[in-house]
Amino acid sequence: MSLTRRDTFGLALGAMALTVLPFRANASVDDLIAEFTGGADLADSGVDLTAPEIAENGNTVPISVDAPGASEILVLAAGNPTPAVATFAFGPLAGSRMASTRIRLAGTQEVIAVAKLEDGTFARAAKTVKVTIGGCGG
């Protein structure tokens, strides 16, 4: 079997993607925040993050975020192998701008919520969660 130019080009693109993708998946928290905000300043008020102070098991840690007037909320777990946890988007008819979920935490770390407000500004909240049994294996 001989390779055509198209096959060779496809293999080269695939190899390039495999080289670049792991770096993007493991982007730092600062890079993810800068990408979300476009480098804009972050206010320390405007978003409330609720998370337990101590989590017995990192496999299922309940969190909630509330940001009145937000169009999007980004949630990050700074110490996880892949820090981006979730992005919640709200339309103009949303009754409230809050979300709650359960997340996995690899160990004791900071959970961060960044909200994009409808006026184009950004707000940030963070909370350290102490994890007794990590949830990301590894």
C-alpha atoms as a PDB file:
ATOM      1  CA  MET A   1       0.000   0.000   0.000  1.00  0.00           C
ATOM      2  CA  SER A   2       1.412   3.369  -0.935  1.00  0.00           C
ATOM      3  CA  LEU A   3       0.552   6.671   0.684  1.00  0.00           C
ATOM      4  CA  THR A   4      -0.880   9.441  -1.404  1.00  0.00           C
ATOM      5  CA  ARG A   5      -0.084  13.084  -0.803  1.00  0.00           C
ATOM      6  CA  ARG A   6      -3.534  13.467   0.755  1.00  0.00           C
ATOM      7  CA  ASP A   7      -2.869  10.573   3.176  1.00  0.00           C
ATOM      8  CA  THR A   8       0.510  12.026   4.125  1.00  0.00           C
ATOM      9  CA  PHE A   9      -0.996  15.476   4.665  1.00  0.00           C
ATOM     10  CA  GLY A  10      -3.763  13.975   6.831  1.00  0.00           C
ATOM     11  CA  LEU A  11      -1.237  12.077   8.944  1.00  0.00           C
ATOM     12  CA  ALA A  12       0.852  15.223   9.373  1.00  0.00           C
ATOM     13  CA  LEU A  13      -2.200  17.228  10.507  1.00  0.00           C
ATOM     14  CA  GLY A  14      -3.162  14.482  12.938  1.00  0.00           C
ATOM     15  CA  ALA A  15       0.330  14.357  14.422  1.00  0.00           C
ATOM     16  CA  MET A  16       0.358  18.134  14.752  1.00  0.00           C
ATOM     17  CA  ALA A  17      -3.032  18.109  16.516  1.00  0.00           C
ATOM     18  CA  LEU A  18      -1.856  15.447  18.961  1.00  0.00           C
ATOM     19  CA  THR A  19       1.185  17.583  19.746  1.00  0.00           C
ATOM     20  CA  VAL A  20      -0.758  20.801  20.337  1.00  0.00           C
ATOM     21  CA  LEU A  21      -3.956  19.534  22.029  1.00  0.00           C
ATOM     22  CA  PRO A  22      -2.423  18.340  25.322  1.00  0.00           C
ATOM     23  CA  PHE A  23      -0.934  21.794  25.909  1.00  0.00           C
ATOM     24  CA  ARG A  24      -4.342  23.469  25.413  1.00  0.00           C
ATOM     25  CA  ALA A  25      -6.122  20.923  27.614  1.00  0.00           C
ATOM     26  CA  ASN A  26      -3.658  21.617  30.425  1.00  0.00           C
ATOM     27  CA  ALA A  27      -3.680  25.388  30.089  1.00  0.00           C
ATOM     28  CA  SER A  28      -2.997  27.242  33.304  1.00  0.00           C
ATOM     29  CA  VAL A  29      -5.787  28.811  35.308  1.00  0.00           C
ATOM     30  CA  ASP A  30      -4.451  32.296  34.528  1.00  0.00           C
ATOM     31  CA  ASP A  31      -4.509  31.527  30.795  1.00  0.00           C
ATOM     32  CA  LEU A  32      -8.079  30.216  30.993  1.00  0.00           C
ATOM     33  CA  ILE A  33      -9.231  33.308  32.896  1.00  0.00           C
ATOM     34  CA  ALA A  34      -7.448  35.616  30.434  1.00  0.00           C
ATOM     35  CA  GLU A  35      -9.069  33.786  27.518  1.00  0.00           C
ATOM     36  CA  PHE A  36     -12.527  34.090  29.142  1.00  0.00           C
ATOM     37  CA  THR A  37     -12.155  37.766  30.080  1.00  0.00           C
ATOM     38  CA  GLY A  38     -10.044  38.948  27.171  1.00  0.00           C
ATOM     39  CA  GLY A  39      -7.564  40.247  29.753  1.00  0.00           C
ATOM     40  CA  ALA A  40     -10.090  42.591  31.423  1.00  0.00           C
ATOM     41  CA  ASP A  41      -9.823  43.512  35.098  1.00  0.00           C
ATOM     42  CA  LEU A  42     -11.755  41.410  37.612  1.00  0.00           C
ATOM     43  CA  ALA A  43     -13.889  42.866  40.402  1.00  0.00           C
ATOM     44  CA  ASP A  44     -13.920  41.113  43.787  1.00  0.00           C
ATOM     45  CA  SER A  45     -17.686  41.455  44.153  1.00  0.00           C
ATOM     46  CA  GLY A  46     -20.606  40.492  41.960  1.00  0.00           C
ATOM     47  CA  VAL A  47     -20.332  36.718  42.119  1.00  0.00           C
ATOM     48  CA  ASP A  48     -20.938  34.428  45.103  1.00  0.00           C
ATOM     49  CA  LEU A  49     -19.312  31.002  45.212  1.00  0.00           C
ATOM     50  CA  THR A  50     -20.523  28.453  47.744  1.00  0.00           C
ATOM     51  CA  ALA A  51     -18.389  25.381  48.397  1.00  0.00           C
ATOM     52  CA  PRO A  52     -17.655  23.312  51.508  1.00  0.00           C
ATOM     53  CA  GLU A  53     -14.618  24.209  53.576  1.00  0.00           C
ATOM     54  CA  ILE A  54     -13.786  20.511  53.914  1.00  0.00           C
ATOM     55  CA  ALA A  55     -14.818  17.770  51.479  1.00  0.00           C
ATOM     56  CA  GLU A  56     -14.573  14.214  52.775  1.00  0.00           C
ATOM     57  CA  ASN A  57     -14.457  12.828  49.249  1.00  0.00           C
ATOM     58  CA  GLY A  58     -13.131  14.717  46.225  1.00  0.00           C
ATOM     59  CA  ASN A  59     -15.266  12.636  43.839  1.00  0.00           C
ATOM     60  CA  THR A  60     -18.399  14.643  44.545  1.00  0.00           C
ATOM     61  CA  VAL A  61     -17.995  18.145  45.923  1.00  0.00           C
ATOM     62  CA  PRO A  62     -21.142  20.321  45.821  1.00  0.00           C
ATOM     63  CA  ILE A  63     -20.706  23.904  44.644  1.00  0.00           C
ATOM     64  CA  SER A  64     -23.023  26.703  43.612  1.00  0.00           C
ATOM     65  CA  VAL A  65     -22.416  30.042  41.951  1.00  0.00           C
ATOM     66  CA  ASP A  66     -24.723  33.034  41.937  1.00  0.00           C
ATOM     67  CA  ALA A  67     -24.048  36.171  39.913  1.00  0.00           C
ATOM     68  CA  PRO A  68     -27.010  38.506  39.391  1.00  0.00           C
ATOM     69  CA  GLY A  69     -26.706  40.129  35.983  1.00  0.00           C
ATOM     70  CA  ALA A  70     -24.268  37.537  34.610  1.00  0.00           C
ATOM     71  CA  SER A  71     -24.405  36.296  31.042  1.00  0.00           C
ATOM     72  CA  GLU A  72     -21.767  33.582  31.641  1.00  0.00           C
ATOM     73  CA  ILE A  73     -20.004  31.992  34.595  1.00  0.00           C
ATOM     74  CA  LEU A  74     -16.738  30.049  34.281  1.00  0.00           C
ATOM     75  CA  VAL A  75     -15.843  27.574  37.067  1.00  0.00           C
ATOM     76  CA  LEU A  76     -12.251  26.376  37.511  1.00  0.00           C
ATOM     77  CA  ALA A  77     -10.551  23.944  39.892  1.00  0.00           C
ATOM     78  CA  ALA A  78      -6.976  25.244  40.090  1.00  0.00           C
ATOM     79  CA  GLY A  79      -5.362  22.005  41.267  1.00  0.00           C
ATOM     80  CA  ASN A  80      -7.034  19.566  38.889  1.00  0.00           C
ATOM     81  CA  PRO A  81      -5.149  18.102  35.923  1.00  0.00           C
ATOM     82  CA  THR A  82      -7.718  19.862  33.693  1.00  0.00           C
ATOM     83  CA  PRO A  83      -8.750  23.019  35.600  1.00  0.00           C
ATOM     84  CA  ALA A  84     -11.765  24.018  33.476  1.00  0.00           C
ATOM     85  CA  VAL A  85     -14.814  22.524  35.202  1.00  0.00           C
ATOM     86  CA  ALA A  86     -17.837  24.193  33.594  1.00  0.00           C
ATOM     87  CA  THR A  87     -19.149  27.262  31.821  1.00  0.00           C
ATOM     88  CA  PHE A  88     -22.756  28.266  32.435  1.00  0.00           C
ATOM     89  CA  ALA A  89     -24.449  30.577  29.929  1.00  0.00           C
ATOM     90  CA  PHE A  90     -27.607  32.565  30.691  1.00  0.00           C
ATOM     91  CA  GLY A  91     -29.979  34.115  28.188  1.00  0.00           C
ATOM     92  CA  PRO A  92     -31.789  37.433  28.647  1.00  0.00           C
ATOM     93  CA  LEU A  93     -34.940  35.670  29.910  1.00  0.00           C
ATOM     94  CA  ALA A  94     -33.195  33.678  32.655  1.00  0.00           C
ATOM     95  CA  GLY A  95     -35.039  34.161  35.932  1.00  0.00           C
ATOM     96  CA  SER A  96     -31.886  33.871  38.018  1.00  0.00           C
ATOM     97  CA  ARG A  97     -28.226  33.711  37.165  1.00  0.00           C
ATOM     98  CA  MET A  98     -27.172  30.856  39.429  1.00  0.00           C
ATOM     99  CA  ALA A  99     -26.102  27.270  38.958  1.00  0.00           C
ATOM    100  CA  SER A 100     -25.204  24.384  41.209  1.00  0.00           C
ATOM    101  CA  THR A 101     -23.458  21.118  40.482  1.00  0.00           C
ATOM    102  CA  ARG A 102     -21.072  18.581  41.940  1.00  0.00           C
ATOM    103  CA  ILE A 103     -17.452  18.553  40.814  1.00  0.00           C
ATOM    104  CA  ARG A 104     -14.384  16.381  41.243  1.00  0.00           C
ATOM    105  CA  LEU A 105     -11.349  17.748  43.027  1.00  0.00           C
ATOM    106  CA  ALA A 106      -7.956  16.024  42.886  1.00  0.00           C
ATOM    107  CA  GLY A 107      -6.990  17.344  46.326  1.00  0.00           C
ATOM    108  CA  THR A 108      -7.042  20.443  48.483  1.00  0.00           C
ATOM    109  CA  GLN A 109      -7.218  23.415  46.130  1.00  0.00           C
ATOM    110  CA  GLU A 110      -8.845  26.662  45.161  1.00  0.00           C
ATOM    111  CA  VAL A 111     -12.157  26.653  43.281  1.00  0.00           C
ATOM    112  CA  ILE A 112     -12.632  29.818  41.210  1.00  0.00           C
ATOM    113  CA  ALA A 113     -15.732  31.333  39.618  1.00  0.00           C
ATOM    114  CA  VAL A 114     -15.475  34.154  37.075  1.00  0.00           C
ATOM    115  CA  ALA A 115     -18.670  35.850  35.903  1.00  0.00           C
ATOM    116  CA  LYS A 116     -19.117  37.904  32.757  1.00  0.00           C
ATOM    117  CA  LEU A 117     -21.717  40.514  33.637  1.00  0.00           C
ATOM    118  CA  GLU A 118     -24.168  41.943  31.115  1.00  0.00           C
ATOM    119  CA  ASP A 119     -22.457  45.348  31.269  1.00  0.00           C
ATOM    120  CA  GLY A 120     -19.243  43.750  29.948  1.00  0.00           C
ATOM    121  CA  THR A 121     -17.366  43.730  33.264  1.00  0.00           C
ATOM    122  CA  PHE A 122     -16.079  40.640  35.046  1.00  0.00           C
ATOM    123  CA  ALA A 123     -16.236  39.516  38.671  1.00  0.00           C
ATOM    124  CA  ARG A 124     -14.276  36.797  40.465  1.00  0.00           C
ATOM    125  CA  ALA A 125     -14.752  34.717  43.606  1.00  0.00           C
ATOM    126  CA  ALA A 126     -12.579  31.930  44.984  1.00  0.00           C
ATOM    127  CA  LYS A 127     -12.768  29.466  47.823  1.00  0.00           C
ATOM    128  CA  THR A 128     -10.250  26.913  49.089  1.00  0.00           C
ATOM    129  CA  VAL A 129     -11.670  23.445  49.608  1.00  0.00           C
ATOM    130  CA  LYS A 130      -9.742  20.974  51.777  1.00  0.00           C
ATOM    131  CA  VAL A 131     -10.134  17.465  50.346  1.00  0.00           C
ATOM    132  CA  THR A 132      -9.411  14.444  52.561  1.00  0.00           C
ATOM    133  CA  ILE A 133      -9.668  11.824  49.759  1.00  0.00           C
ATOM    134  CA  GLY A 134      -8.843  13.069  46.241  1.00  0.00           C
ATOM    135  CA  GLY A 135     -11.267  12.427  43.416  1.00  0.00           C
ATOM    136  CA  CYS A 136      -9.233  12.539  40.218  1.00  0.00           C
ATOM    137  CA  GLY A 137      -7.179   9.382  40.681  1.00  0.00           C
ATOM    138  CA  GLY A 138      -3.819   9.176  39.240  1.00  0.00           C
END
